[in-house]
Amino acid sequence: MAKLDESLPFIPVRIAVLTVSDTRAPEDDKSGATLAELIRSAGHEVAAKAIVKDDVPVIRAQVQAWIADASVDVVITTGGTGFTGRDVTPEAVKPLFEKEVDGFSIVFHMISFAKIATSTIQSRACAGVAQGTYIFCLPGSPGACRDAWNEILKWQLDNRHRPCNFVEIMPRLEEHRRGK
């Protein structure tokens, strides 16, 4: 179970949310809205939010722009991780990874299996690191976004989580520790 060291000050993380969909618009983007709400309620900042079509160059260009943006620490995508012909988020994003976070997919599938049983195999959720930016690719359902956030990301993006978390190795935390 998650354990927080309450003696440490909370450091908010700046998170960009990308919805990948051929059919969603801001007014009906339930998964993107769910993520933004969860991010804010945890005390983090929604640094940016966008919706793009299921198109490899378009997805990749948006994620690359956020990787290059010093005001973004983490990118979370939602949608495009299934097996239909238009589901291309992993193909767009994985080539950007310098290191893949294999454990994210494993833990996500364990959590998902407990809720939707073998249907979890229909997701290609993945995560990695590119130039110090953490990237998490989630399925396009609000439930999957809640599961990934509440069971994994909420804790791993909280610098007080013990025994370890992603924030400890983010470049910005080092700046924070040095007082910049």
Protein backbone atom coordinates (compact mmCIF):
# COMPACT_ATOMS: atom_id res chain seq x y z
CA MET A 1 0.00 0.00 0.00
CA ALA A 2 1.12 3.56 -0.62
CA LYS A 3 3.08 5.23 2.13
CA LEU A 4 3.72 8.98 2.25
CA ASP A 5 6.45 10.68 4.24
CA GLU A 6 4.39 13.57 5.60
CA SER A 7 7.54 15.28 6.93
CA LEU A 8 8.47 16.24 3.35
CA PRO A 9 6.89 19.20 1.54
CA PHE A 10 4.71 18.28 -1.45
CA ILE A 11 6.19 19.30 -4.81
CA PRO A 12 3.57 19.75 -7.55
CA VAL A 13 4.36 18.21 -10.92
CA ARG A 14 3.43 19.90 -14.21
CA ILE A 15 1.47 17.45 -16.35
CA ALA A 16 0.28 17.73 -19.97
CA VAL A 17 -2.78 15.70 -20.97
CA LEU A 18 -3.21 14.50 -24.55
CA THR A 19 -6.43 12.89 -25.73
CA VAL A 20 -5.95 10.82 -28.88
CA SER A 21 -9.23 10.42 -30.73
CA ASP A 22 -10.80 10.90 -34.14
CA THR A 23 -14.17 11.66 -32.55
CA ARG A 24 -13.62 13.66 -29.35
CA ALA A 25 -13.91 17.42 -28.91
CA PRO A 26 -13.26 19.43 -25.73
CA GLU A 27 -16.94 19.30 -24.73
CA ASP A 28 -17.15 15.49 -24.81
CA ASP A 29 -13.59 14.50 -23.85
CA LYS A 30 -14.49 12.57 -20.70
CA SER A 31 -11.12 10.85 -20.30
CA GLY A 32 -9.10 14.05 -20.69
CA ALA A 33 -11.44 15.85 -18.29
CA THR A 34 -11.17 12.99 -15.80
CA LEU A 35 -7.37 13.13 -15.88
CA ALA A 36 -7.30 16.92 -15.53
CA GLU A 37 -9.63 16.74 -12.52
CA LEU A 38 -7.58 13.99 -10.85
CA ILE A 39 -4.32 15.86 -11.50
CA ARG A 40 -5.64 19.09 -9.98
CA SER A 41 -7.26 17.36 -7.02
CA ALA A 42 -3.91 15.75 -6.19
CA GLY A 43 -2.31 19.21 -6.08
CA HIS A 44 -0.47 19.01 -9.39
CA GLU A 45 -0.70 21.43 -12.31
CA VAL A 46 -2.28 20.73 -15.70
CA ALA A 47 0.48 22.36 -17.76
CA ALA A 48 -1.30 21.82 -21.08
CA LYS A 49 -4.19 19.92 -22.59
CA ALA A 50 -4.87 18.96 -26.21
CA ILE A 51 -6.85 16.63 -28.43
CA VAL A 52 -5.29 15.14 -31.57
CA LYS A 53 -6.43 12.67 -34.21
CA ASP A 54 -5.24 9.04 -34.27
CA ASP A 55 -2.32 9.84 -36.56
CA VAL A 56 1.30 8.88 -35.82
CA PRO A 57 2.99 12.11 -37.00
CA VAL A 58 0.42 14.33 -35.26
CA ILE A 59 0.59 12.43 -31.95
CA ARG A 60 4.38 12.29 -32.07
CA ALA A 61 4.71 16.00 -32.86
CA GLN A 62 2.55 17.01 -29.88
CA VAL A 63 4.39 14.73 -27.46
CA GLN A 64 7.77 15.93 -28.80
CA ALA A 65 6.70 19.55 -28.31
CA TRP A 66 5.87 18.82 -24.67
CA ILE A 67 9.10 16.90 -24.15
CA ALA A 68 10.96 19.99 -25.36
CA ASP A 69 8.89 22.32 -23.15
CA ALA A 70 10.62 23.01 -19.82
CA SER A 71 7.24 23.74 -18.23
CA VAL A 72 6.11 20.11 -18.71
CA ASP A 73 7.42 17.35 -16.42
CA VAL A 74 5.03 14.55 -17.40
CA VAL A 75 2.85 13.73 -20.41
CA ILE A 76 -0.20 11.51 -20.01
CA THR A 77 -1.99 10.36 -23.15
CA THR A 78 -5.42 8.77 -23.21
CA GLY A 79 -6.73 6.81 -26.17
CA GLY A 80 -5.26 4.96 -29.11
CA THR A 81 -3.84 2.02 -27.14
CA GLY A 82 -6.22 -0.64 -28.44
CA PHE A 83 -6.04 -2.84 -31.53
CA THR A 84 -8.29 -1.15 -34.08
CA GLY A 85 -6.70 0.11 -37.27
CA ARG A 86 -6.67 3.70 -35.98
CA ASP A 87 -5.13 2.90 -32.54
CA VAL A 88 -1.55 4.10 -33.02
CA THR A 89 -0.51 5.85 -29.81
CA PRO A 90 2.19 3.31 -28.84
CA GLU A 91 3.59 3.39 -32.39
CA ALA A 92 3.75 7.18 -32.22
CA VAL A 93 5.22 7.50 -28.73
CA LYS A 94 7.43 4.47 -28.05
CA PRO A 95 10.15 5.54 -30.56
CA LEU A 96 10.60 8.68 -28.41
CA PHE A 97 11.41 6.67 -25.28
CA GLU A 98 15.02 6.57 -24.16
CA LYS A 99 13.96 4.08 -21.50
CA GLU A 100 10.72 2.15 -21.23
CA VAL A 101 8.99 1.81 -17.86
CA ASP A 102 7.99 -1.83 -18.26
CA GLY A 103 6.64 -2.07 -14.72
CA PHE A 104 3.94 0.51 -15.46
CA SER A 105 2.29 -1.71 -18.05
CA ILE A 106 2.59 -4.77 -15.82
CA VAL A 107 1.04 -3.08 -12.78
CA PHE A 108 -1.64 -1.38 -14.90
CA HIS A 109 -2.66 -4.78 -16.32
CA MET A 110 -2.73 -6.34 -12.84
CA ILE A 111 -5.07 -3.58 -11.62
CA SER A 112 -7.16 -3.78 -14.77
CA PHE A 113 -7.40 -7.59 -14.59
CA ALA A 114 -8.95 -7.31 -11.13
CA LYS A 115 -11.68 -5.09 -12.60
CA ILE A 116 -12.27 -6.24 -16.18
CA ALA A 117 -10.60 -9.69 -16.17
CA THR A 118 -9.03 -10.85 -19.41
CA SER A 119 -10.33 -7.85 -21.36
CA THR A 120 -7.22 -6.07 -20.09
CA ILE A 121 -5.26 -7.78 -22.88
CA GLN A 122 -6.99 -5.39 -25.30
CA SER A 123 -4.89 -2.50 -23.99
CA ARG A 124 -1.35 -1.60 -24.99
CA ALA A 125 -0.83 0.84 -22.13
CA CYS A 126 2.84 1.79 -21.89
CA ALA A 127 5.23 4.29 -20.34
CA GLY A 128 8.72 5.62 -20.80
CA VAL A 129 11.14 8.48 -20.29
CA ALA A 130 12.35 10.92 -22.96
CA GLN A 131 14.79 13.72 -22.12
CA GLY A 132 13.76 13.66 -18.48
CA THR A 133 10.03 13.81 -19.28
CA TYR A 134 7.90 10.89 -18.11
CA ILE A 135 5.26 9.71 -20.58
CA PHE A 136 2.31 7.45 -19.76
CA CYS A 137 -0.03 6.15 -22.47
CA LEU A 138 -3.41 5.10 -21.09
CA PRO A 139 -6.52 3.61 -22.68
CA GLY A 140 -9.26 6.00 -23.73
CA SER A 141 -11.85 5.20 -21.09
CA PRO A 142 -12.43 7.35 -17.99
CA GLY A 143 -12.37 4.17 -15.86
CA ALA A 144 -8.94 3.16 -17.14
CA CYS A 145 -7.69 6.71 -16.56
CA ARG A 146 -9.01 6.65 -12.98
CA ASP A 147 -7.45 3.24 -12.35
CA ALA A 148 -4.04 4.28 -13.68
CA TRP A 149 -4.11 7.56 -11.75
CA ASN A 150 -5.53 6.36 -8.43
CA GLU A 151 -3.58 3.11 -8.24
CA ILE A 152 -0.22 4.08 -9.80
CA LEU A 153 0.40 7.63 -10.97
CA LYS A 154 -1.01 9.45 -7.96
CA TRP A 155 1.63 7.76 -5.84
CA GLN A 156 4.54 7.68 -8.24
CA LEU A 157 4.15 11.39 -9.01
CA ASP A 158 4.05 12.34 -5.31
CA ASN A 159 7.58 13.10 -4.12
CA ARG A 160 6.62 12.00 -0.58
CA HIS A 161 5.83 8.42 -1.66
CA ARG A 162 8.14 5.81 -0.16
CA PRO A 163 10.19 3.83 -0.75
CA CYS A 164 10.62 5.59 -4.11
CA ASN A 165 8.83 7.58 -6.79
CA PHE A 166 9.41 9.05 -10.23
CA VAL A 167 9.70 12.60 -8.90
CA GLU A 168 12.94 11.76 -7.08
CA ILE A 169 14.68 11.31 -10.41
CA MET A 170 13.03 14.16 -12.34
CA PRO A 171 15.43 16.93 -13.28
CA ARG A 172 13.13 19.62 -11.83
CA LEU A 173 13.19 18.08 -8.36
CA GLU A 174 16.95 18.44 -8.32
CA GLU A 175 16.47 22.14 -9.16
CA HIS A 176 13.90 22.41 -6.35
CA ARG A 177 16.32 20.81 -3.87
CA ARG A 178 19.03 23.29 -4.90
CA GLY A 179 16.58 26.16 -4.40
CA LYS A 180 16.31 27.28 -8.03
